[in-house]
């Protein structure tokens, strides 16, 4: 559940909660599109099934999936993110215009960084932070609509972050040595 202090009540100790996967929570179009993007990325795992060979240090099929996503990421962002987010231009401050990183480039890097390392075949909190940076960029670029106090934030947590964390439950089959994967 996702708690939030209920400011409408006079008691300072009243906390309002929302259950995960609560059908009464309305998601913005951006949250819905991000859910669809995550589902699409998860479905792409079927195109790179886990390798059945030895995998002491991880499953090499993760590299196949990662390369596939890397090839398609630009088009996926165009398909699933609001156009106004992707066309946001960098501030040039008198520097070489061609040397500037675009919002789309930055979003691609953060999203790719959120899946783990294809080189080391690992995943950690830095990768999760990369996903939060991806969402933070979309937020700063105006990709999420204004809503009632806490409404959009709740939608992001319950509609995007929670499914992202859930999708990691499939990652061990593609990434880690199963004997080393510990769920706490």
C-alpha atoms as a PDB file:
ATOM      1  CA  UNK A   1       0.000   0.000   0.000  1.00  0.00           C
ATOM      2  CA  UNK A   2       1.044   3.601  -0.536  1.00  0.00           C
ATOM      3  CA  UNK A   3       0.439   5.825   2.554  1.00  0.00           C
ATOM      4  CA  UNK A   4      -0.092   9.570   2.509  1.00  0.00           C
ATOM      5  CA  UNK A   5      -1.031  12.003   5.258  1.00  0.00           C
ATOM      6  CA  UNK A   6      -4.662  13.007   4.826  1.00  0.00           C
ATOM      7  CA  UNK A   7      -4.614  16.818   5.042  1.00  0.00           C
ATOM      8  CA  UNK A   8      -8.397  17.031   4.788  1.00  0.00           C
ATOM      9  CA  UNK A   9      -8.743  15.557   8.269  1.00  0.00           C
ATOM     10  CA  UNK A  10      -8.126  17.549  11.406  1.00  0.00           C
ATOM     11  CA  UNK A  11      -6.173  14.779  13.103  1.00  0.00           C
ATOM     12  CA  UNK A  12      -2.456  14.963  12.370  1.00  0.00           C
ATOM     13  CA  UNK A  13      -2.240  11.190  12.765  1.00  0.00           C
ATOM     14  CA  UNK A  14      -4.731  10.113  10.100  1.00  0.00           C
ATOM     15  CA  UNK A  15      -3.051   8.335   7.208  1.00  0.00           C
ATOM     16  CA  UNK A  16      -4.850   7.481   3.988  1.00  0.00           C
ATOM     17  CA  UNK A  17      -3.689   4.363   2.141  1.00  0.00           C
ATOM     18  CA  UNK A  18      -4.143   2.955  -1.347  1.00  0.00           C
ATOM     19  CA  UNK A  19      -3.753  -0.713  -2.154  1.00  0.00           C
ATOM     20  CA  UNK A  20      -1.457  -1.831  -4.952  1.00  0.00           C
ATOM     21  CA  UNK A  21      -3.434  -2.622  -8.095  1.00  0.00           C
ATOM     22  CA  UNK A  22      -6.458  -0.708  -6.748  1.00  0.00           C
ATOM     23  CA  UNK A  23      -8.981  -0.342  -9.585  1.00  0.00           C
ATOM     24  CA  UNK A  24     -10.226   2.985  -8.223  1.00  0.00           C
ATOM     25  CA  UNK A  25      -6.915   4.759  -8.887  1.00  0.00           C
ATOM     26  CA  UNK A  26      -7.019   6.670 -12.144  1.00  0.00           C
ATOM     27  CA  UNK A  27      -3.777   6.880 -14.108  1.00  0.00           C
ATOM     28  CA  UNK A  28      -2.788   9.706 -16.432  1.00  0.00           C
ATOM     29  CA  UNK A  29      -2.121   8.959 -20.088  1.00  0.00           C
ATOM     30  CA  UNK A  30       1.636   9.242 -19.466  1.00  0.00           C
ATOM     31  CA  UNK A  31       1.502   6.640 -16.685  1.00  0.00           C
ATOM     32  CA  UNK A  32      -0.570   4.318 -18.883  1.00  0.00           C
ATOM     33  CA  UNK A  33       1.895   4.711 -21.770  1.00  0.00           C
ATOM     34  CA  UNK A  34       4.831   3.986 -19.439  1.00  0.00           C
ATOM     35  CA  UNK A  35       3.035   0.844 -18.220  1.00  0.00           C
ATOM     36  CA  UNK A  36       2.663  -0.208 -21.857  1.00  0.00           C
ATOM     37  CA  UNK A  37       6.364   0.487 -22.482  1.00  0.00           C
ATOM     38  CA  UNK A  38       7.373  -1.704 -19.537  1.00  0.00           C
ATOM     39  CA  UNK A  39       5.077  -4.480 -20.751  1.00  0.00           C
ATOM     40  CA  UNK A  40       6.561  -4.235 -24.247  1.00  0.00           C
ATOM     41  CA  UNK A  41      10.095  -4.496 -22.857  1.00  0.00           C
ATOM     42  CA  UNK A  42       9.070  -7.485 -20.756  1.00  0.00           C
ATOM     43  CA  UNK A  43       7.509  -9.157 -23.801  1.00  0.00           C
ATOM     44  CA  UNK A  44      10.772  -8.687 -25.701  1.00  0.00           C
ATOM     45  CA  UNK A  45      12.331 -11.201 -23.283  1.00  0.00           C
ATOM     46  CA  UNK A  46      10.475 -13.919 -25.194  1.00  0.00           C
ATOM     47  CA  UNK A  47      12.638 -13.083 -28.216  1.00  0.00           C
ATOM     48  CA  UNK A  48      15.779 -13.812 -26.170  1.00  0.00           C
ATOM     49  CA  UNK A  49      14.868 -16.829 -24.020  1.00  0.00           C
ATOM     50  CA  UNK A  50      17.274 -17.853 -21.244  1.00  0.00           C
ATOM     51  CA  UNK A  51      20.269 -19.831 -22.463  1.00  0.00           C
ATOM     52  CA  UNK A  52      20.276 -23.393 -21.126  1.00  0.00           C
ATOM     53  CA  UNK A  53      24.070 -23.672 -21.026  1.00  0.00           C
ATOM     54  CA  UNK A  54      26.356 -23.065 -18.061  1.00  0.00           C
ATOM     55  CA  UNK A  55      25.771 -19.735 -16.392  1.00  0.00           C
ATOM     56  CA  UNK A  56      27.968 -19.469 -13.372  1.00  0.00           C
ATOM     57  CA  UNK A  57      28.214 -15.684 -13.697  1.00  0.00           C
ATOM     58  CA  UNK A  58      24.864 -14.951 -15.328  1.00  0.00           C
ATOM     59  CA  UNK A  59      22.897 -15.853 -18.406  1.00  0.00           C
ATOM     60  CA  UNK A  60      24.334 -14.521 -21.664  1.00  0.00           C
ATOM     61  CA  UNK A  61      20.843 -14.276 -23.180  1.00  0.00           C
ATOM     62  CA  UNK A  62      20.463 -11.073 -21.164  1.00  0.00           C
ATOM     63  CA  UNK A  63      23.051  -9.534 -23.499  1.00  0.00           C
ATOM     64  CA  UNK A  64      20.918 -10.504 -26.504  1.00  0.00           C
ATOM     65  CA  UNK A  65      17.845  -8.890 -24.949  1.00  0.00           C
ATOM     66  CA  UNK A  66      19.809  -5.799 -23.928  1.00  0.00           C
ATOM     67  CA  UNK A  67      21.221  -5.390 -27.465  1.00  0.00           C
ATOM     68  CA  UNK A  68      17.706  -5.737 -28.885  1.00  0.00           C
ATOM     69  CA  UNK A  69      16.358  -3.073 -26.535  1.00  0.00           C
ATOM     70  CA  UNK A  70      19.328  -0.817 -27.290  1.00  0.00           C
ATOM     71  CA  UNK A  71      18.549  -1.099 -31.006  1.00  0.00           C
ATOM     72  CA  UNK A  72      14.853  -0.292 -30.524  1.00  0.00           C
ATOM     73  CA  UNK A  73      14.996   2.192 -27.626  1.00  0.00           C
ATOM     74  CA  UNK A  74      14.807   5.355 -29.723  1.00  0.00           C
ATOM     75  CA  UNK A  75      11.642   4.214 -31.495  1.00  0.00           C
ATOM     76  CA  UNK A  76      10.127   2.905 -28.266  1.00  0.00           C
ATOM     77  CA  UNK A  77      10.554   6.277 -26.578  1.00  0.00           C
ATOM     78  CA  UNK A  78       8.971   7.997 -29.580  1.00  0.00           C
ATOM     79  CA  UNK A  79       6.064   5.565 -29.432  1.00  0.00           C
ATOM     80  CA  UNK A  80       5.401   5.688 -25.690  1.00  0.00           C
ATOM     81  CA  UNK A  81       6.448   9.126 -24.402  1.00  0.00           C
ATOM     82  CA  UNK A  82       4.665  12.442 -24.949  1.00  0.00           C
ATOM     83  CA  UNK A  83       6.185  14.147 -28.026  1.00  0.00           C
ATOM     84  CA  UNK A  84       6.738  17.421 -26.173  1.00  0.00           C
ATOM     85  CA  UNK A  85       9.127  15.638 -23.806  1.00  0.00           C
ATOM     86  CA  UNK A  86      11.330  14.312 -26.601  1.00  0.00           C
ATOM     87  CA  UNK A  87      11.558  17.554 -28.592  1.00  0.00           C
ATOM     88  CA  UNK A  88      12.792  19.554 -25.627  1.00  0.00           C
ATOM     89  CA  UNK A  89      16.078  21.081 -26.749  1.00  0.00           C
ATOM     90  CA  UNK A  90      19.180  21.482 -24.648  1.00  0.00           C
ATOM     91  CA  UNK A  91      20.270  24.899 -23.431  1.00  0.00           C
ATOM     92  CA  UNK A  92      23.241  25.828 -25.592  1.00  0.00           C
ATOM     93  CA  UNK A  93      24.855  28.592 -23.512  1.00  0.00           C
ATOM     94  CA  UNK A  94      27.050  29.560 -26.468  1.00  0.00           C
ATOM     95  CA  UNK A  95      28.596  26.098 -26.788  1.00  0.00           C
ATOM     96  CA  UNK A  96      28.731  23.989 -29.938  1.00  0.00           C
ATOM     97  CA  UNK A  97      25.105  23.160 -30.734  1.00  0.00           C
ATOM     98  CA  UNK A  98      26.049  19.718 -32.126  1.00  0.00           C
ATOM     99  CA  UNK A  99      27.832  18.781 -28.896  1.00  0.00           C
ATOM    100  CA  UNK A 100      24.679  19.174 -26.800  1.00  0.00           C
ATOM    101  CA  UNK A 101      22.857  16.149 -25.454  1.00  0.00           C
ATOM    102  CA  UNK A 102      19.135  16.135 -26.259  1.00  0.00           C
ATOM    103  CA  UNK A 103      16.397  15.203 -23.818  1.00  0.00           C
ATOM    104  CA  UNK A 104      15.799  12.048 -25.838  1.00  0.00           C
ATOM    105  CA  UNK A 105      19.480  11.047 -25.547  1.00  0.00           C
ATOM    106  CA  UNK A 106      19.365  11.572 -21.806  1.00  0.00           C
ATOM    107  CA  UNK A 107      16.120   9.608 -21.408  1.00  0.00           C
ATOM    108  CA  UNK A 108      17.553   6.732 -23.458  1.00  0.00           C
ATOM    109  CA  UNK A 109      20.660   6.566 -21.278  1.00  0.00           C
ATOM    110  CA  UNK A 110      18.682   6.550 -18.036  1.00  0.00           C
ATOM    111  CA  UNK A 111      16.209   3.942 -19.257  1.00  0.00           C
ATOM    112  CA  UNK A 112      18.924   1.639 -20.611  1.00  0.00           C
ATOM    113  CA  UNK A 113      20.815   2.052 -17.350  1.00  0.00           C
ATOM    114  CA  UNK A 114      17.796   0.877 -15.382  1.00  0.00           C
ATOM    115  CA  UNK A 115      17.894  -2.732 -16.608  1.00  0.00           C
ATOM    116  CA  UNK A 116      21.268  -3.818 -15.303  1.00  0.00           C
ATOM    117  CA  UNK A 117      24.691  -4.189 -16.848  1.00  0.00           C
ATOM    118  CA  UNK A 118      25.002  -6.270 -20.003  1.00  0.00           C
ATOM    119  CA  UNK A 119      28.763  -6.281 -19.552  1.00  0.00           C
ATOM    120  CA  UNK A 120      28.873  -7.470 -15.927  1.00  0.00           C
ATOM    121  CA  UNK A 121      25.522  -9.301 -15.991  1.00  0.00           C
ATOM    122  CA  UNK A 122      24.479  -7.688 -12.752  1.00  0.00           C
ATOM    123  CA  UNK A 123      21.784  -5.476 -11.319  1.00  0.00           C
ATOM    124  CA  UNK A 124      21.758  -3.220  -8.282  1.00  0.00           C
ATOM    125  CA  UNK A 125      20.441  -0.100  -6.621  1.00  0.00           C
ATOM    126  CA  UNK A 126      22.291   2.131  -9.083  1.00  0.00           C
ATOM    127  CA  UNK A 127      20.176   0.653 -11.856  1.00  0.00           C
ATOM    128  CA  UNK A 128      17.017   1.362  -9.863  1.00  0.00           C
ATOM    129  CA  UNK A 129      18.233   4.923  -9.344  1.00  0.00           C
ATOM    130  CA  UNK A 130      18.661   5.212 -13.102  1.00  0.00           C
ATOM    131  CA  UNK A 131      14.965   4.348 -13.516  1.00  0.00           C
ATOM    132  CA  UNK A 132      14.026   7.038 -11.002  1.00  0.00           C
ATOM    133  CA  UNK A 133      16.215   9.505 -12.930  1.00  0.00           C
ATOM    134  CA  UNK A 134      14.352   8.491 -16.117  1.00  0.00           C
ATOM    135  CA  UNK A 135      11.035   9.306 -14.434  1.00  0.00           C
ATOM    136  CA  UNK A 136      12.493  12.496 -12.939  1.00  0.00           C
ATOM    137  CA  UNK A 137      13.529  13.692 -16.396  1.00  0.00           C
ATOM    138  CA  UNK A 138      10.041  13.093 -17.755  1.00  0.00           C
ATOM    139  CA  UNK A 139       8.666  15.023 -14.759  1.00  0.00           C
ATOM    140  CA  UNK A 140      11.046  17.981 -15.222  1.00  0.00           C
ATOM    141  CA  UNK A 141      10.288  18.103 -18.958  1.00  0.00           C
ATOM    142  CA  UNK A 142       6.557  18.423 -18.243  1.00  0.00           C
ATOM    143  CA  UNK A 143       5.616  14.902 -19.293  1.00  0.00           C
ATOM    144  CA  UNK A 144       3.299  14.278 -16.357  1.00  0.00           C
ATOM    145  CA  UNK A 145       0.116  16.353 -16.058  1.00  0.00           C
ATOM    146  CA  UNK A 146      -0.692  18.441 -13.014  1.00  0.00           C
ATOM    147  CA  UNK A 147      -3.211  16.732 -10.770  1.00  0.00           C
ATOM    148  CA  UNK A 148      -4.674  16.987  -7.285  1.00  0.00           C
ATOM    149  CA  UNK A 149      -2.071  17.075  -4.538  1.00  0.00           C
ATOM    150  CA  UNK A 150      -0.268  13.745  -4.686  1.00  0.00           C
ATOM    151  CA  UNK A 151      -2.487  12.303  -7.405  1.00  0.00           C
ATOM    152  CA  UNK A 152       0.083  12.035 -10.173  1.00  0.00           C
ATOM    153  CA  UNK A 153       2.839  11.049  -7.778  1.00  0.00           C
ATOM    154  CA  UNK A 154       0.640   8.215  -6.495  1.00  0.00           C
ATOM    155  CA  UNK A 155      -0.025   7.165 -10.086  1.00  0.00           C
ATOM    156  CA  UNK A 156       3.708   7.111 -10.829  1.00  0.00           C
ATOM    157  CA  UNK A 157       4.517   5.006  -7.769  1.00  0.00           C
ATOM    158  CA  UNK A 158       1.634   2.557  -8.130  1.00  0.00           C
ATOM    159  CA  UNK A 159       1.387   2.561 -11.910  1.00  0.00           C
ATOM    160  CA  UNK A 160       5.036   2.726 -13.013  1.00  0.00           C
ATOM    161  CA  UNK A 161       7.553   2.147 -10.215  1.00  0.00           C
ATOM    162  CA  UNK A 162       5.737  -0.835  -8.719  1.00  0.00           C
ATOM    163  CA  UNK A 163       5.381  -2.579 -12.130  1.00  0.00           C
ATOM    164  CA  UNK A 164       9.064  -1.817 -12.858  1.00  0.00           C
ATOM    165  CA  UNK A 165      10.082  -3.505  -9.600  1.00  0.00           C
ATOM    166  CA  UNK A 166       7.686  -6.385 -10.364  1.00  0.00           C
ATOM    167  CA  UNK A 167       9.248  -6.846 -13.796  1.00  0.00           C
ATOM    168  CA  UNK A 168      12.560  -7.539 -12.072  1.00  0.00           C
ATOM    169  CA  UNK A 169      11.093 -10.845 -10.923  1.00  0.00           C
ATOM    170  CA  UNK A 170      11.670 -12.115 -14.464  1.00  0.00           C
ATOM    171  CA  UNK A 171      15.168 -10.707 -14.712  1.00  0.00           C
ATOM    172  CA  UNK A 172      16.921 -13.425 -12.656  1.00  0.00           C
ATOM    173  CA  UNK A 173      16.210 -16.018 -15.346  1.00  0.00           C
ATOM    174  CA  UNK A 174      18.065 -13.819 -17.816  1.00  0.00           C
ATOM    175  CA  UNK A 175      20.685 -12.192 -15.670  1.00  0.00           C
ATOM    176  CA  UNK A 176      21.976 -13.948 -12.580  1.00  0.00           C
ATOM    177  CA  UNK A 177      23.187 -17.348 -11.543  1.00  0.00           C
ATOM    178  CA  UNK A 178      19.999 -18.776  -9.942  1.00  0.00           C
ATOM    179  CA  UNK A 179      21.973 -19.964  -6.897  1.00  0.00           C
ATOM    180  CA  UNK A 180      23.056 -16.396  -6.189  1.00  0.00           C
ATOM    181  CA  UNK A 181      19.628 -14.779  -6.494  1.00  0.00           C
ATOM    182  CA  UNK A 182      18.229 -14.124  -3.044  1.00  0.00           C
ATOM    183  CA  UNK A 183      14.802 -12.586  -2.540  1.00  0.00           C
ATOM    184  CA  UNK A 184      14.452 -10.742   0.750  1.00  0.00           C
END
